[in-house]
Amino acid sequence: MSRADLFFSTCSLGDNYFYTYGASEDKIRRYNFTSMYKSDIPDEIVSIDEKSFLKSKLGIDKDLMILTVGRSVPVKGYDALIRAYKGVNDKLISTINKNSSLYLVGAEKTREYETIIESEHISDVYFIKNLPFDQVKDYYLAADVFILPTRRDVWGLVINEAMAYGLPVISTDKCVAADALIDDGEGGIIVKVDDEDGFRNAQIRLLTDSEERKRMGAVNHQKIRNNTLEQMGITISRHIEDYCRSRDAR
């Protein structure tokens, strides 16, 4: 790997990976990574009234909804997320007189998760599995906050999707997509892996502040509009063309 002429990296975590294998800084080129075409990204963020309509359509009977999307595997950190959800509703009811629910879409309710929910007396946690993306999209649009508590992720394309639908994002310092796309405090909140208090406080902070959710969602939607498959191809192509020209000049 150290003999390569160019290294394509998405962010600082990617740079560090290549440095480990002997890459030099002058050979690293940045590009955006995504699975979304420009046409996949809505022109506008849905309104509060539209979110309420979608919640009703999906059978969500709580005022606010936290969403995560992914499989039930340990690396996703859902065990920590479920524990961190304890006490969130109590805080919301006491401060803004609203309640919430946590939806894990694409995840199966494993025995481990059941045990946590039962032993910690946690309510309003829902598992929705095996949905086509057209239906998952409705959950993104209905959600108020997106969270990915991953312990390790090669990328995390659900971050791109959440941003496209104008959601503020909570994720960890080990999520490559969050490192590349989310500025802490601007488009969301970055929490250390397995920091349950950090996850809980981040959820409460965003759920109790509608203006901050709106601001962060708008930042993310604007940023992701240029982070498309079309732009990814253009950027990589330009890097290769620039390299070829400089090599020919030598």
C-alpha atoms as a PDB file:
ATOM      1  CA  MET A   1       0.000   0.000   0.000  1.00  0.00           C
ATOM      2  CA  SER A   2       2.827   2.423   0.784  1.00  0.00           C
ATOM      3  CA  ARG A   3       3.937   2.256  -2.868  1.00  0.00           C
ATOM      4  CA  ALA A   4       0.708   3.750  -4.210  1.00  0.00           C
ATOM      5  CA  ASP A   5       0.893   7.023  -6.105  1.00  0.00           C
ATOM      6  CA  LEU A   6      -2.393   8.388  -4.728  1.00  0.00           C
ATOM      7  CA  PHE A   7      -4.601   7.674  -1.717  1.00  0.00           C
ATOM      8  CA  PHE A   8      -8.263   8.671  -1.780  1.00  0.00           C
ATOM      9  CA  SER A   9      -9.530   9.628   1.665  1.00  0.00           C
ATOM     10  CA  THR A  10     -12.842  10.967   2.947  1.00  0.00           C
ATOM     11  CA  CYS A  11     -11.717  12.639   6.194  1.00  0.00           C
ATOM     12  CA  SER A  12      -9.104  12.787   8.948  1.00  0.00           C
ATOM     13  CA  LEU A  13      -9.893   9.243  10.121  1.00  0.00           C
ATOM     14  CA  GLY A  14      -9.230   8.030   6.580  1.00  0.00           C
ATOM     15  CA  ASP A  15      -5.975   9.987   6.437  1.00  0.00           C
ATOM     16  CA  ASN A  16      -4.798   8.362   9.667  1.00  0.00           C
ATOM     17  CA  TYR A  17      -5.607   4.921   8.293  1.00  0.00           C
ATOM     18  CA  PHE A  18      -3.375   5.530   5.276  1.00  0.00           C
ATOM     19  CA  TYR A  19      -0.609   7.029   7.412  1.00  0.00           C
ATOM     20  CA  THR A  20      -0.537   3.762   9.348  1.00  0.00           C
ATOM     21  CA  TYR A  21       0.369   1.955   6.137  1.00  0.00           C
ATOM     22  CA  GLY A  22       3.059   4.377   5.069  1.00  0.00           C
ATOM     23  CA  ALA A  23       1.225   7.003   3.014  1.00  0.00           C
ATOM     24  CA  SER A  24       2.703  10.487   2.859  1.00  0.00           C
ATOM     25  CA  GLU A  25       0.540  13.584   3.230  1.00  0.00           C
ATOM     26  CA  ASP A  26       1.314  14.892  -0.262  1.00  0.00           C
ATOM     27  CA  LYS A  27      -0.224  11.770  -1.842  1.00  0.00           C
ATOM     28  CA  ILE A  28      -3.572  11.928  -0.047  1.00  0.00           C
ATOM     29  CA  ARG A  29      -6.549  13.345  -1.930  1.00  0.00           C
ATOM     30  CA  ARG A  30      -9.911  14.095  -0.334  1.00  0.00           C
ATOM     31  CA  TYR A  31     -13.263  13.204  -1.883  1.00  0.00           C
ATOM     32  CA  ASN A  32     -16.861  13.000  -0.708  1.00  0.00           C
ATOM     33  CA  PHE A  33     -18.372   9.543  -0.169  1.00  0.00           C
ATOM     34  CA  THR A  34     -22.070   8.819  -0.525  1.00  0.00           C
ATOM     35  CA  SER A  35     -24.672   6.490  -2.002  1.00  0.00           C
ATOM     36  CA  MET A  36     -27.098   9.275  -2.912  1.00  0.00           C
ATOM     37  CA  TYR A  37     -27.721  10.873  -6.272  1.00  0.00           C
ATOM     38  CA  LYS A  38     -28.675  14.534  -6.436  1.00  0.00           C
ATOM     39  CA  SER A  39     -32.238  13.479  -7.248  1.00  0.00           C
ATOM     40  CA  ASP A  40     -32.414  11.511  -3.968  1.00  0.00           C
ATOM     41  CA  ILE A  41     -32.033  14.668  -1.868  1.00  0.00           C
ATOM     42  CA  PRO A  42     -35.263  16.608  -1.246  1.00  0.00           C
ATOM     43  CA  ASP A  43     -35.284  20.267  -2.228  1.00  0.00           C
ATOM     44  CA  GLU A  44     -36.964  21.281   1.022  1.00  0.00           C
ATOM     45  CA  ILE A  45     -37.064  20.031   4.601  1.00  0.00           C
ATOM     46  CA  VAL A  46     -40.504  18.869   5.719  1.00  0.00           C
ATOM     47  CA  SER A  47     -42.428  21.166   8.047  1.00  0.00           C
ATOM     48  CA  ILE A  48     -43.491  20.392  11.618  1.00  0.00           C
ATOM     49  CA  ASP A  49     -47.062  19.849  10.412  1.00  0.00           C
ATOM     50  CA  GLU A  50     -45.857  17.394   7.770  1.00  0.00           C
ATOM     51  CA  LYS A  51     -43.847  15.538  10.418  1.00  0.00           C
ATOM     52  CA  SER A  52     -46.959  15.288  12.584  1.00  0.00           C
ATOM     53  CA  PHE A  53     -48.931  13.894   9.646  1.00  0.00           C
ATOM     54  CA  LEU A  54     -46.249  11.293   8.932  1.00  0.00           C
ATOM     55  CA  LYS A  55     -46.075  10.285  12.600  1.00  0.00           C
ATOM     56  CA  SER A  56     -49.820   9.663  12.525  1.00  0.00           C
ATOM     57  CA  LYS A  57     -49.494   7.703   9.287  1.00  0.00           C
ATOM     58  CA  LEU A  58     -46.814   5.479  10.835  1.00  0.00           C
ATOM     59  CA  GLY A  59     -48.742   4.970  14.057  1.00  0.00           C
ATOM     60  CA  ILE A  60     -46.328   7.037  16.152  1.00  0.00           C
ATOM     61  CA  ASP A  61     -48.376   8.515  18.978  1.00  0.00           C
ATOM     62  CA  LYS A  62     -45.644  10.543  20.710  1.00  0.00           C
ATOM     63  CA  ASP A  63     -44.819  14.224  20.162  1.00  0.00           C
ATOM     64  CA  LEU A  64     -41.181  13.652  19.205  1.00  0.00           C
ATOM     65  CA  MET A  65     -39.254  10.770  17.683  1.00  0.00           C
ATOM     66  CA  ILE A  66     -35.614   9.708  17.796  1.00  0.00           C
ATOM     67  CA  LEU A  67     -34.523   7.487  14.911  1.00  0.00           C
ATOM     68  CA  THR A  68     -31.671   5.133  14.215  1.00  0.00           C
ATOM     69  CA  VAL A  69     -31.357   2.878  11.164  1.00  0.00           C
ATOM     70  CA  GLY A  70     -29.282  -0.286  10.982  1.00  0.00           C
ATOM     71  CA  ARG A  71     -28.933  -3.959  11.875  1.00  0.00           C
ATOM     72  CA  SER A  72     -28.901  -5.495  15.342  1.00  0.00           C
ATOM     73  CA  VAL A  73     -25.169  -6.100  15.642  1.00  0.00           C
ATOM     74  CA  PRO A  74     -22.992  -5.244  18.672  1.00  0.00           C
ATOM     75  CA  VAL A  75     -20.821  -2.785  16.759  1.00  0.00           C
ATOM     76  CA  LYS A  76     -23.816  -0.462  16.241  1.00  0.00           C
ATOM     77  CA  GLY A  77     -23.962   0.260  19.983  1.00  0.00           C
ATOM     78  CA  TYR A  78     -27.724  -0.124  20.315  1.00  0.00           C
ATOM     79  CA  ASP A  79     -27.373  -1.609  23.788  1.00  0.00           C
ATOM     80  CA  ALA A  80     -25.759   1.644  24.965  1.00  0.00           C
ATOM     81  CA  LEU A  81     -28.388   3.691  23.112  1.00  0.00           C
ATOM     82  CA  ILE A  82     -31.287   1.889  24.774  1.00  0.00           C
ATOM     83  CA  ARG A  83     -29.762   2.352  28.225  1.00  0.00           C
ATOM     84  CA  ALA A  84     -29.120   6.014  27.394  1.00  0.00           C
ATOM     85  CA  TYR A  85     -32.783   6.486  26.516  1.00  0.00           C
ATOM     86  CA  LYS A  86     -33.759   5.842  30.141  1.00  0.00           C
ATOM     87  CA  GLY A  87     -34.967   9.064  31.741  1.00  0.00           C
ATOM     88  CA  VAL A  88     -35.240  11.022  28.469  1.00  0.00           C
ATOM     89  CA  ASN A  89     -39.038  11.077  28.514  1.00  0.00           C
ATOM     90  CA  ASP A  90     -39.201  12.084  32.158  1.00  0.00           C
ATOM     91  CA  LYS A  91     -36.970  15.061  31.406  1.00  0.00           C
ATOM     92  CA  LEU A  92     -39.026  16.097  28.372  1.00  0.00           C
ATOM     93  CA  ILE A  93     -42.314  15.921  30.248  1.00  0.00           C
ATOM     94  CA  SER A  94     -40.951  17.975  33.134  1.00  0.00           C
ATOM     95  CA  THR A  95     -39.370  20.678  30.946  1.00  0.00           C
ATOM     96  CA  ILE A  96     -41.473  21.060  27.782  1.00  0.00           C
ATOM     97  CA  ASN A  97     -44.524  18.895  28.567  1.00  0.00           C
ATOM     98  CA  LYS A  98     -43.886  16.640  25.578  1.00  0.00           C
ATOM     99  CA  ASN A  99     -43.004  12.976  25.199  1.00  0.00           C
ATOM    100  CA  SER A 100     -40.908  10.955  22.768  1.00  0.00           C
ATOM    101  CA  SER A 101     -40.251   7.524  21.339  1.00  0.00           C
ATOM    102  CA  LEU A 102     -37.100   5.763  20.122  1.00  0.00           C
ATOM    103  CA  TYR A 103     -37.349   3.853  16.845  1.00  0.00           C
ATOM    104  CA  LEU A 104     -34.717   1.356  15.690  1.00  0.00           C
ATOM    105  CA  VAL A 105     -35.537   0.745  12.034  1.00  0.00           C
ATOM    106  CA  GLY A 106     -33.901  -2.283  10.433  1.00  0.00           C
ATOM    107  CA  ALA A 107     -33.090  -3.729  13.851  1.00  0.00           C
ATOM    108  CA  GLU A 108     -34.412  -6.886  15.489  1.00  0.00           C
ATOM    109  CA  LYS A 109     -35.439  -6.927  19.127  1.00  0.00           C
ATOM    110  CA  THR A 110     -32.822  -9.336  20.443  1.00  0.00           C
ATOM    111  CA  ARG A 111     -32.910 -11.018  23.842  1.00  0.00           C
ATOM    112  CA  GLU A 112     -30.120  -8.666  24.972  1.00  0.00           C
ATOM    113  CA  TYR A 113     -32.197  -5.604  24.131  1.00  0.00           C
ATOM    114  CA  GLU A 114     -35.290  -7.102  25.764  1.00  0.00           C
ATOM    115  CA  THR A 115     -33.316  -7.710  28.947  1.00  0.00           C
ATOM    116  CA  ILE A 116     -32.068  -4.110  29.067  1.00  0.00           C
ATOM    117  CA  ILE A 117     -35.573  -2.724  28.476  1.00  0.00           C
ATOM    118  CA  GLU A 118     -37.134  -4.963  31.124  1.00  0.00           C
ATOM    119  CA  SER A 119     -34.433  -4.622  33.788  1.00  0.00           C
ATOM    120  CA  GLU A 120     -34.131  -0.840  33.387  1.00  0.00           C
ATOM    121  CA  HIS A 121     -37.911  -0.318  33.041  1.00  0.00           C
ATOM    122  CA  ILE A 122     -37.505   1.583  29.763  1.00  0.00           C
ATOM    123  CA  SER A 123     -40.594   2.267  27.652  1.00  0.00           C
ATOM    124  CA  ASP A 124     -41.394   3.699  24.209  1.00  0.00           C
ATOM    125  CA  VAL A 125     -38.631   1.791  22.369  1.00  0.00           C
ATOM    126  CA  TYR A 126     -39.751   0.271  19.062  1.00  0.00           C
ATOM    127  CA  PHE A 127     -38.056  -2.108  16.615  1.00  0.00           C
ATOM    128  CA  ILE A 128     -39.089  -2.041  12.950  1.00  0.00           C
ATOM    129  CA  LYS A 129     -37.301  -4.550  10.718  1.00  0.00           C
ATOM    130  CA  ASN A 130     -37.253  -5.625   7.072  1.00  0.00           C
ATOM    131  CA  LEU A 131     -38.562  -2.478   5.408  1.00  0.00           C
ATOM    132  CA  PRO A 132     -37.814  -1.375   1.828  1.00  0.00           C
ATOM    133  CA  PHE A 133     -36.102   2.011   1.627  1.00  0.00           C
ATOM    134  CA  ASP A 134     -39.239   3.742   0.333  1.00  0.00           C
ATOM    135  CA  GLN A 135     -40.839   2.995   3.705  1.00  0.00           C
ATOM    136  CA  VAL A 136     -37.687   3.743   5.715  1.00  0.00           C
ATOM    137  CA  LYS A 137     -37.756   7.170   4.071  1.00  0.00           C
ATOM    138  CA  ASP A 138     -41.045   7.956   5.845  1.00  0.00           C
ATOM    139  CA  TYR A 139     -39.351   7.334   9.207  1.00  0.00           C
ATOM    140  CA  TYR A 140     -36.549   9.733   8.285  1.00  0.00           C
ATOM    141  CA  LEU A 141     -39.107  12.365   7.331  1.00  0.00           C
ATOM    142  CA  ALA A 142     -41.146  11.837  10.496  1.00  0.00           C
ATOM    143  CA  ALA A 143     -38.140  11.851  12.841  1.00  0.00           C
ATOM    144  CA  ASP A 144     -36.951  14.818  14.868  1.00  0.00           C
ATOM    145  CA  VAL A 145     -33.434  13.597  15.747  1.00  0.00           C
ATOM    146  CA  PHE A 146     -31.185  10.949  14.183  1.00  0.00           C
ATOM    147  CA  ILE A 147     -28.672   9.002  16.263  1.00  0.00           C
ATOM    148  CA  LEU A 148     -25.977   6.499  15.279  1.00  0.00           C
ATOM    149  CA  PRO A 149     -24.211   5.229  18.437  1.00  0.00           C
ATOM    150  CA  THR A 150     -21.730   3.101  16.501  1.00  0.00           C
ATOM    151  CA  ARG A 151     -18.602   1.742  18.154  1.00  0.00           C
ATOM    152  CA  ARG A 152     -16.881   1.424  14.795  1.00  0.00           C
ATOM    153  CA  ASP A 153     -18.036   2.127  11.264  1.00  0.00           C
ATOM    154  CA  VAL A 154     -16.298   1.927   7.898  1.00  0.00           C
ATOM    155  CA  TRP A 155     -18.486   4.877   6.922  1.00  0.00           C
ATOM    156  CA  GLY A 156     -22.135   5.063   8.049  1.00  0.00           C
ATOM    157  CA  LEU A 157     -24.244   5.969   5.020  1.00  0.00           C
ATOM    158  CA  VAL A 158     -27.289   6.488   7.243  1.00  0.00           C
ATOM    159  CA  ILE A 159     -25.625   9.752   8.312  1.00  0.00           C
ATOM    160  CA  ASN A 160     -25.794  10.955   4.691  1.00  0.00           C
ATOM    161  CA  GLU A 161     -29.449   9.928   4.525  1.00  0.00           C
ATOM    162  CA  ALA A 162     -30.382  11.651   7.782  1.00  0.00           C
ATOM    163  CA  MET A 163     -28.691  14.853   6.644  1.00  0.00           C
ATOM    164  CA  ALA A 164     -30.505  14.705   3.301  1.00  0.00           C
ATOM    165  CA  TYR A 165     -33.823  14.724   5.164  1.00  0.00           C
ATOM    166  CA  GLY A 166     -32.805  17.681   7.306  1.00  0.00           C
ATOM    167  CA  LEU A 167     -32.211  15.938  10.626  1.00  0.00           C
ATOM    168  CA  PRO A 168     -29.774  16.942  13.349  1.00  0.00           C
ATOM    169  CA  VAL A 169     -27.360  14.061  14.016  1.00  0.00           C
ATOM    170  CA  ILE A 170     -25.936  12.515  17.164  1.00  0.00           C
ATOM    171  CA  SER A 171     -23.062  10.111  16.569  1.00  0.00           C
ATOM    172  CA  THR A 172     -19.714   8.977  17.966  1.00  0.00           C
ATOM    173  CA  ASP A 173     -16.073   9.859  17.528  1.00  0.00           C
ATOM    174  CA  LYS A 174     -15.547   6.488  15.799  1.00  0.00           C
ATOM    175  CA  CYS A 175     -18.039   7.067  12.973  1.00  0.00           C
ATOM    176  CA  VAL A 176     -16.210   7.991   9.768  1.00  0.00           C
ATOM    177  CA  ALA A 177     -19.250   9.682   8.219  1.00  0.00           C
ATOM    178  CA  ALA A 178     -19.739  11.837  11.301  1.00  0.00           C
ATOM    179  CA  ASP A 179     -16.054  12.786  11.278  1.00  0.00           C
ATOM    180  CA  ALA A 180     -16.286  13.761   7.616  1.00  0.00           C
ATOM    181  CA  LEU A 181     -19.659  15.486   7.609  1.00  0.00           C
ATOM    182  CA  ILE A 182     -20.732  16.654  11.069  1.00  0.00           C
ATOM    183  CA  ASP A 183     -19.162  19.645  12.791  1.00  0.00           C
ATOM    184  CA  ASP A 184     -19.820  19.190  16.508  1.00  0.00           C
ATOM    185  CA  GLY A 185     -22.339  21.790  17.613  1.00  0.00           C
ATOM    186  CA  GLU A 186     -23.178  22.819  14.059  1.00  0.00           C
ATOM    187  CA  GLY A 187     -24.899  19.890  12.357  1.00  0.00           C
ATOM    188  CA  GLY A 188     -25.156  17.722  15.428  1.00  0.00           C
ATOM    189  CA  ILE A 189     -23.418  16.420  18.521  1.00  0.00           C
ATOM    190  CA  ILE A 190     -20.434  14.053  18.638  1.00  0.00           C
ATOM    191  CA  VAL A 191     -20.227  11.762  21.674  1.00  0.00           C
ATOM    192  CA  LYS A 192     -17.493   9.375  22.761  1.00  0.00           C
ATOM    193  CA  VAL A 193     -18.189   5.688  22.135  1.00  0.00           C
ATOM    194  CA  ASP A 194     -20.327   4.076  24.860  1.00  0.00           C
ATOM    195  CA  ASP A 195     -20.765   7.383  26.718  1.00  0.00           C
ATOM    196  CA  GLU A 196     -24.334   6.746  27.839  1.00  0.00           C
ATOM    197  CA  ASP A 197     -24.583  10.005  29.769  1.00  0.00           C
ATOM    198  CA  GLY A 198     -23.330  11.812  26.676  1.00  0.00           C
ATOM    199  CA  PHE A 199     -25.984  10.150  24.494  1.00  0.00           C
ATOM    200  CA  ARG A 200     -28.708  10.915  27.040  1.00  0.00           C
ATOM    201  CA  ASN A 201     -27.714  14.567  27.392  1.00  0.00           C
ATOM    202  CA  ALA A 202     -27.442  15.005  23.612  1.00  0.00           C
ATOM    203  CA  GLN A 203     -30.939  13.584  23.103  1.00  0.00           C
ATOM    204  CA  ILE A 204     -32.418  15.809  25.794  1.00  0.00           C
ATOM    205  CA  ARG A 205     -30.598  18.872  24.480  1.00  0.00           C
ATOM    206  CA  LEU A 206     -31.977  18.472  20.968  1.00  0.00           C
ATOM    207  CA  LEU A 207     -35.453  17.277  21.876  1.00  0.00           C
ATOM    208  CA  THR A 208     -36.049  20.198  24.229  1.00  0.00           C
ATOM    209  CA  ASP A 209     -34.841  22.837  21.762  1.00  0.00           C
ATOM    210  CA  SER A 210     -36.852  22.962  18.542  1.00  0.00           C
ATOM    211  CA  GLU A 211     -34.899  25.947  17.225  1.00  0.00           C
ATOM    212  CA  GLU A 212     -31.587  24.134  17.578  1.00  0.00           C
ATOM    213  CA  ARG A 213     -33.019  21.090  15.811  1.00  0.00           C
ATOM    214  CA  LYS A 214     -34.220  23.323  13.001  1.00  0.00           C
ATOM    215  CA  ARG A 215     -30.868  25.117  12.720  1.00  0.00           C
ATOM    216  CA  MET A 216     -28.784  21.932  12.731  1.00  0.00           C
ATOM    217  CA  GLY A 217     -31.116  20.209  10.278  1.00  0.00           C
ATOM    218  CA  ALA A 218     -30.830  23.139   7.866  1.00  0.00           C
ATOM    219  CA  VAL A 219     -27.016  23.092   8.134  1.00  0.00           C
ATOM    220  CA  ASN A 220     -26.947  19.382   7.321  1.00  0.00           C
ATOM    221  CA  HIS A 221     -29.401  19.635   4.443  1.00  0.00           C
ATOM    222  CA  GLN A 222     -27.418  22.442   2.851  1.00  0.00           C
ATOM    223  CA  LYS A 223     -24.085  20.645   3.286  1.00  0.00           C
ATOM    224  CA  ILE A 224     -25.270  17.335   1.855  1.00  0.00           C
ATOM    225  CA  ARG A 225     -26.793  18.896  -1.274  1.00  0.00           C
ATOM    226  CA  ASN A 226     -23.346  18.910  -2.894  1.00  0.00           C
ATOM    227  CA  ASN A 227     -22.337  15.549  -1.456  1.00  0.00           C
ATOM    228  CA  THR A 228     -23.702  13.378  -4.263  1.00  0.00           C
ATOM    229  CA  LEU A 229     -22.602  10.450  -6.406  1.00  0.00           C
ATOM    230  CA  GLU A 230     -22.316  12.849  -9.319  1.00  0.00           C
ATOM    231  CA  GLN A 231     -19.948  15.106  -7.371  1.00  0.00           C
ATOM    232  CA  MET A 232     -17.996  12.125  -6.048  1.00  0.00           C
ATOM    233  CA  GLY A 233     -17.272  11.009  -9.613  1.00  0.00           C
ATOM    234  CA  ILE A 234     -16.248  14.510 -10.690  1.00  0.00           C
ATOM    235  CA  THR A 235     -13.887  14.968  -7.735  1.00  0.00           C
ATOM    236  CA  ILE A 236     -12.138  11.614  -8.148  1.00  0.00           C
ATOM    237  CA  SER A 237     -11.820  12.167 -11.895  1.00  0.00           C
ATOM    238  CA  ARG A 238     -10.239  15.584 -11.374  1.00  0.00           C
ATOM    239  CA  HIS A 239      -7.733  14.211  -8.868  1.00  0.00           C
ATOM    240  CA  ILE A 240      -6.666  11.521 -11.337  1.00  0.00           C
ATOM    241  CA  GLU A 241      -6.438  13.983 -14.228  1.00  0.00           C
ATOM    242  CA  ASP A 242      -4.344  16.390 -12.122  1.00  0.00           C
ATOM    243  CA  TYR A 243      -2.019  13.563 -11.126  1.00  0.00           C
ATOM    244  CA  CYS A 244      -1.609  12.398 -14.719  1.00  0.00           C
ATOM    245  CA  ARG A 245      -0.816  15.927 -15.896  1.00  0.00           C
ATOM    246  CA  SER A 246       1.784  16.430 -13.178  1.00  0.00           C
ATOM    247  CA  ARG A 247       3.354  13.048 -13.911  1.00  0.00           C
ATOM    248  CA  ASP A 248       3.521  13.786 -17.664  1.00  0.00           C
ATOM    249  CA  ALA A 249       5.087  17.166 -16.916  1.00  0.00           C
ATOM    250  CA  ARG A 250       7.911  15.413 -15.084  1.00  0.00           C
END
